[in-house]
Every structure is written in C-alpha cells, then in structure tokens.
C-alpha cells in the first residue's frame, strides 16, 4: 500500500513555467491523485509573487477525469513558499489564475505517462523517469 509521488516541470517559450507534484495512492480500489500545481515566473528566483498554486484531487470519470479544487492545507507543498500564492476552494472559477492552473493540470494529466496510466486503471508507467526508492513502505 502507501503512496508514490512523482514530480514534473513544464517550460513555456524555453523558460521554466510550471512545477507539479502528484501523489498516486497505490490501490486500484480507490484511484485518485492529489495534484499540486504551480505556474508563473519560475525563471525568476528573487520573487514568488507572480506564481499561483492550487491543490487538486483527480479521479477517473467515464470519458475523462473529475478535478476537485481543495484547500491548500491538503497539499504536501502547502508550506513551500516558492510555489507562490495558493488559491483556495472558494476561488472564482472564472479567475485567470485558476483557469490557467486547470489548463496546466489537464496538460499534465494527458502528458505525464505515470498519471495517465494510473488514472486509467493500469499500473503507472514511469518510463523516462528516475525512480528513487527510499523505503519499502
């Protein structure tokens, strides 16, 4: 049992743009991913004010997946200041930062092979990733 975590990075216009961390729950009984996504000016190291972050739960649906916005407290990265300004569950669904974060989340879910295979009920595909095993738990 337990969880597996994966992280990834996305660039845009040849600059660092997004960082994400996902927790995959190692049971095919209750498939869901806790996904923390940050977007913004990752090429700048002097400020985090132009970055936004959100914590999401992702579950499989009939044709796609269901995405639920959670409070930041549910993200393992909640205290990582570099993630930027966390949006809450009450964030305006039409706000540009939330729309951008959800678009990036959709991109992640369709392009990260570990998340995509896991959410379709298969064993996660870690091809192209460095796997580090710290413990057998």
C-alpha atoms as a PDB file:
ATOM      1  CA  UNK A   1       0.000   0.000   0.000  1.00  0.00           C
ATOM      2  CA  UNK A   2       1.144   3.560   0.557  1.00  0.00           C
ATOM      3  CA  UNK A   3       1.720   6.254  -1.976  1.00  0.00           C
ATOM      4  CA  UNK A   4       4.073   7.031  -4.811  1.00  0.00           C
ATOM      5  CA  UNK A   5       4.987  10.599  -5.627  1.00  0.00           C
ATOM      6  CA  UNK A   6       6.012  11.993  -8.974  1.00  0.00           C
ATOM      7  CA  UNK A   7       7.068  15.469  -9.910  1.00  0.00           C
ATOM      8  CA  UNK A   8       7.470  17.242 -13.181  1.00  0.00           C
ATOM      9  CA  UNK A   9       8.433  20.500 -14.772  1.00  0.00           C
ATOM     10  CA  UNK A  10       6.944  22.318 -17.735  1.00  0.00           C
ATOM     11  CA  UNK A  11       8.621  25.003 -19.790  1.00  0.00           C
ATOM     12  CA  UNK A  12       6.984  27.596 -21.983  1.00  0.00           C
ATOM     13  CA  UNK A  13       8.860  29.714 -24.521  1.00  0.00           C
ATOM     14  CA  UNK A  14      12.048  27.966 -23.387  1.00  0.00           C
ATOM     15  CA  UNK A  15      11.614  29.217 -19.800  1.00  0.00           C
ATOM     16  CA  UNK A  16      10.621  27.335 -16.622  1.00  0.00           C
ATOM     17  CA  UNK A  17       6.868  27.810 -16.281  1.00  0.00           C
ATOM     18  CA  UNK A  18       5.288  25.170 -14.056  1.00  0.00           C
ATOM     19  CA  UNK A  19       6.195  22.690 -11.352  1.00  0.00           C
ATOM     20  CA  UNK A  20       3.913  19.915 -10.170  1.00  0.00           C
ATOM     21  CA  UNK A  21       3.870  17.179  -7.564  1.00  0.00           C
ATOM     22  CA  UNK A  22       1.443  14.294  -7.591  1.00  0.00           C
ATOM     23  CA  UNK A  23       0.673  11.614  -5.033  1.00  0.00           C
ATOM     24  CA  UNK A  24      -0.625   8.358  -6.501  1.00  0.00           C
ATOM     25  CA  UNK A  25      -2.403   6.171  -3.993  1.00  0.00           C
ATOM     26  CA  UNK A  26      -1.200   2.621  -4.511  1.00  0.00           C
ATOM     27  CA  UNK A  27      -4.527   0.888  -4.595  1.00  0.00           C
ATOM     28  CA  UNK A  28      -6.632   0.233  -7.664  1.00  0.00           C
ATOM     29  CA  UNK A  29      -9.706   0.114  -5.428  1.00  0.00           C
ATOM     30  CA  UNK A  30      -9.835   3.885  -4.894  1.00  0.00           C
ATOM     31  CA  UNK A  31      -7.974   5.536  -7.750  1.00  0.00           C
ATOM     32  CA  UNK A  32      -7.178   9.185  -7.168  1.00  0.00           C
ATOM     33  CA  UNK A  33      -4.295  11.558  -7.498  1.00  0.00           C
ATOM     34  CA  UNK A  34      -3.558  14.507  -5.216  1.00  0.00           C
ATOM     35  CA  UNK A  35      -2.009  17.034  -7.604  1.00  0.00           C
ATOM     36  CA  UNK A  36      -0.293  20.271  -6.573  1.00  0.00           C
ATOM     37  CA  UNK A  37       0.438  22.624  -9.463  1.00  0.00           C
ATOM     38  CA  UNK A  38       2.304  25.927  -9.559  1.00  0.00           C
ATOM     39  CA  UNK A  39       2.517  28.249 -12.572  1.00  0.00           C
ATOM     40  CA  UNK A  40       4.260  31.534 -13.118  1.00  0.00           C
ATOM     41  CA  UNK A  41       7.659  33.095 -13.368  1.00  0.00           C
ATOM     42  CA  UNK A  42       9.784  30.103 -12.359  1.00  0.00           C
ATOM     43  CA  UNK A  43      12.787  31.595 -14.166  1.00  0.00           C
ATOM     44  CA  UNK A  44      12.949  34.346 -11.507  1.00  0.00           C
ATOM     45  CA  UNK A  45      14.473  33.406  -8.194  1.00  0.00           C
ATOM     46  CA  UNK A  46      14.063  36.729  -6.386  1.00  0.00           C
ATOM     47  CA  UNK A  47      10.271  36.732  -6.038  1.00  0.00           C
ATOM     48  CA  UNK A  48       7.366  34.312  -5.839  1.00  0.00           C
ATOM     49  CA  UNK A  49       4.553  36.893  -6.026  1.00  0.00           C
ATOM     50  CA  UNK A  50       3.878  36.175  -9.705  1.00  0.00           C
ATOM     51  CA  UNK A  51       3.297  32.465  -9.136  1.00  0.00           C
ATOM     52  CA  UNK A  52      -0.007  30.802  -8.320  1.00  0.00           C
ATOM     53  CA  UNK A  53      -0.655  27.324  -6.989  1.00  0.00           C
ATOM     54  CA  UNK A  54      -3.580  25.011  -6.446  1.00  0.00           C
ATOM     55  CA  UNK A  55      -4.195  21.638  -4.814  1.00  0.00           C
ATOM     56  CA  UNK A  56      -6.441  19.246  -6.727  1.00  0.00           C
ATOM     57  CA  UNK A  57      -7.890  15.782  -6.338  1.00  0.00           C
ATOM     58  CA  UNK A  58      -8.239  13.948  -9.631  1.00  0.00           C
ATOM     59  CA  UNK A  59     -10.393  10.844 -10.062  1.00  0.00           C
ATOM     60  CA  UNK A  60     -11.300   8.859 -13.172  1.00  0.00           C
ATOM     61  CA  UNK A  61     -14.587   9.615 -14.896  1.00  0.00           C
ATOM     62  CA  UNK A  62     -16.450   7.899 -17.716  1.00  0.00           C
ATOM     63  CA  UNK A  63     -14.745   9.800 -20.549  1.00  0.00           C
ATOM     64  CA  UNK A  64     -12.124  11.855 -18.753  1.00  0.00           C
ATOM     65  CA  UNK A  65     -11.386  12.698 -15.118  1.00  0.00           C
ATOM     66  CA  UNK A  66     -13.027  14.708 -12.400  1.00  0.00           C
ATOM     67  CA  UNK A  67     -10.980  17.502 -10.886  1.00  0.00           C
ATOM     68  CA  UNK A  68     -11.825  18.989  -7.485  1.00  0.00           C
ATOM     69  CA  UNK A  69     -10.138  22.067  -6.079  1.00  0.00           C
ATOM     70  CA  UNK A  70      -9.058  21.581  -2.468  1.00  0.00           C
ATOM     71  CA  UNK A  71      -7.901  23.915   0.259  1.00  0.00           C
ATOM     72  CA  UNK A  72      -4.113  24.467   0.238  1.00  0.00           C
ATOM     73  CA  UNK A  73      -3.781  22.684   3.586  1.00  0.00           C
ATOM     74  CA  UNK A  74      -4.275  19.355   1.766  1.00  0.00           C
ATOM     75  CA  UNK A  75      -1.187  19.829  -0.385  1.00  0.00           C
ATOM     76  CA  UNK A  76       2.106  18.399   0.876  1.00  0.00           C
ATOM     77  CA  UNK A  77       3.694  21.512  -0.655  1.00  0.00           C
ATOM     78  CA  UNK A  78       1.475  23.971   1.262  1.00  0.00           C
ATOM     79  CA  UNK A  79       4.413  25.400   3.224  1.00  0.00           C
ATOM     80  CA  UNK A  80       6.754  25.620   0.234  1.00  0.00           C
ATOM     81  CA  UNK A  81       6.769  29.398  -0.292  1.00  0.00           C
ATOM     82  CA  UNK A  82       8.296  29.116  -3.770  1.00  0.00           C
ATOM     83  CA  UNK A  83       5.060  27.531  -5.032  1.00  0.00           C
ATOM     84  CA  UNK A  84       3.528  31.010  -4.853  1.00  0.00           C
ATOM     85  CA  UNK A  85       0.092  32.234  -3.851  1.00  0.00           C
ATOM     86  CA  UNK A  86      -2.244  29.342  -3.124  1.00  0.00           C
ATOM     87  CA  UNK A  87      -5.778  29.538  -4.460  1.00  0.00           C
ATOM     88  CA  UNK A  88      -8.477  28.165  -2.195  1.00  0.00           C
ATOM     89  CA  UNK A  89     -11.505  26.062  -2.923  1.00  0.00           C
ATOM     90  CA  UNK A  90     -13.548  29.274  -2.929  1.00  0.00           C
ATOM     91  CA  UNK A  91     -11.505  30.851  -5.738  1.00  0.00           C
ATOM     92  CA  UNK A  92     -13.561  32.337  -8.543  1.00  0.00           C
ATOM     93  CA  UNK A  93     -13.819  29.607 -11.173  1.00  0.00           C
ATOM     94  CA  UNK A  94     -13.528  32.280 -13.874  1.00  0.00           C
ATOM     95  CA  UNK A  95     -10.389  33.903 -12.486  1.00  0.00           C
ATOM     96  CA  UNK A  96      -7.472  33.866 -14.939  1.00  0.00           C
ATOM     97  CA  UNK A  97      -5.038  32.215 -12.450  1.00  0.00           C
ATOM     98  CA  UNK A  98      -7.421  29.334 -11.683  1.00  0.00           C
ATOM     99  CA  UNK A  99      -8.292  28.803 -15.348  1.00  0.00           C
ATOM    100  CA  UNK A 100      -4.589  28.722 -16.205  1.00  0.00           C
ATOM    101  CA  UNK A 101      -3.842  26.248 -13.398  1.00  0.00           C
ATOM    102  CA  UNK A 102      -6.663  23.962 -14.533  1.00  0.00           C
ATOM    103  CA  UNK A 103      -5.451  24.095 -18.146  1.00  0.00           C
ATOM    104  CA  UNK A 104      -1.965  23.149 -16.971  1.00  0.00           C
ATOM    105  CA  UNK A 105      -3.417  20.345 -14.830  1.00  0.00           C
ATOM    106  CA  UNK A 106      -5.240  18.982 -17.891  1.00  0.00           C
ATOM    107  CA  UNK A 107      -1.977  19.139 -19.864  1.00  0.00           C
ATOM    108  CA  UNK A 108      -0.175  17.263 -17.073  1.00  0.00           C
ATOM    109  CA  UNK A 109      -2.846  14.579 -16.885  1.00  0.00           C
ATOM    110  CA  UNK A 110      -2.722  13.937 -20.621  1.00  0.00           C
ATOM    111  CA  UNK A 111       1.080  14.057 -20.984  1.00  0.00           C
ATOM    112  CA  UNK A 112       2.559  12.530 -17.816  1.00  0.00           C
ATOM    113  CA  UNK A 113       2.644   8.773 -18.513  1.00  0.00           C
ATOM    114  CA  UNK A 114       2.600   7.814 -14.820  1.00  0.00           C
ATOM    115  CA  UNK A 115      -0.544   9.819 -14.098  1.00  0.00           C
ATOM    116  CA  UNK A 116      -2.281   8.927 -17.335  1.00  0.00           C
ATOM    117  CA  UNK A 117      -1.794   5.182 -16.957  1.00  0.00           C
ATOM    118  CA  UNK A 118      -2.668   5.219 -13.255  1.00  0.00           C
ATOM    119  CA  UNK A 119      -5.892   7.157 -13.790  1.00  0.00           C
ATOM    120  CA  UNK A 120      -6.971   4.675 -16.481  1.00  0.00           C
ATOM    121  CA  UNK A 121      -6.668   1.810 -14.009  1.00  0.00           C
ATOM    122  CA  UNK A 122      -3.323   0.478 -15.157  1.00  0.00           C
ATOM    123  CA  UNK A 123      -0.008   0.173 -13.416  1.00  0.00           C
ATOM    124  CA  UNK A 124       1.733   3.579 -13.545  1.00  0.00           C
ATOM    125  CA  UNK A 125       4.203   3.914 -16.408  1.00  0.00           C
ATOM    126  CA  UNK A 126       7.390   5.543 -15.097  1.00  0.00           C
ATOM    127  CA  UNK A 127       9.188   5.432 -18.447  1.00  0.00           C
ATOM    128  CA  UNK A 128      11.722   8.213 -18.739  1.00  0.00           C
ATOM    129  CA  UNK A 129      11.689   8.995 -15.031  1.00  0.00           C
ATOM    130  CA  UNK A 130      14.363   8.428 -12.454  1.00  0.00           C
ATOM    131  CA  UNK A 131      12.886   6.167  -9.783  1.00  0.00           C
ATOM    132  CA  UNK A 132      14.286   6.555  -6.275  1.00  0.00           C
ATOM    133  CA  UNK A 133      13.150   4.121  -3.642  1.00  0.00           C
ATOM    134  CA  UNK A 134      13.783   5.327  -0.123  1.00  0.00           C
ATOM    135  CA  UNK A 135      11.978   2.597   1.758  1.00  0.00           C
ATOM    136  CA  UNK A 136       9.794  -0.422   1.116  1.00  0.00           C
ATOM    137  CA  UNK A 137       6.821   1.085   2.997  1.00  0.00           C
END
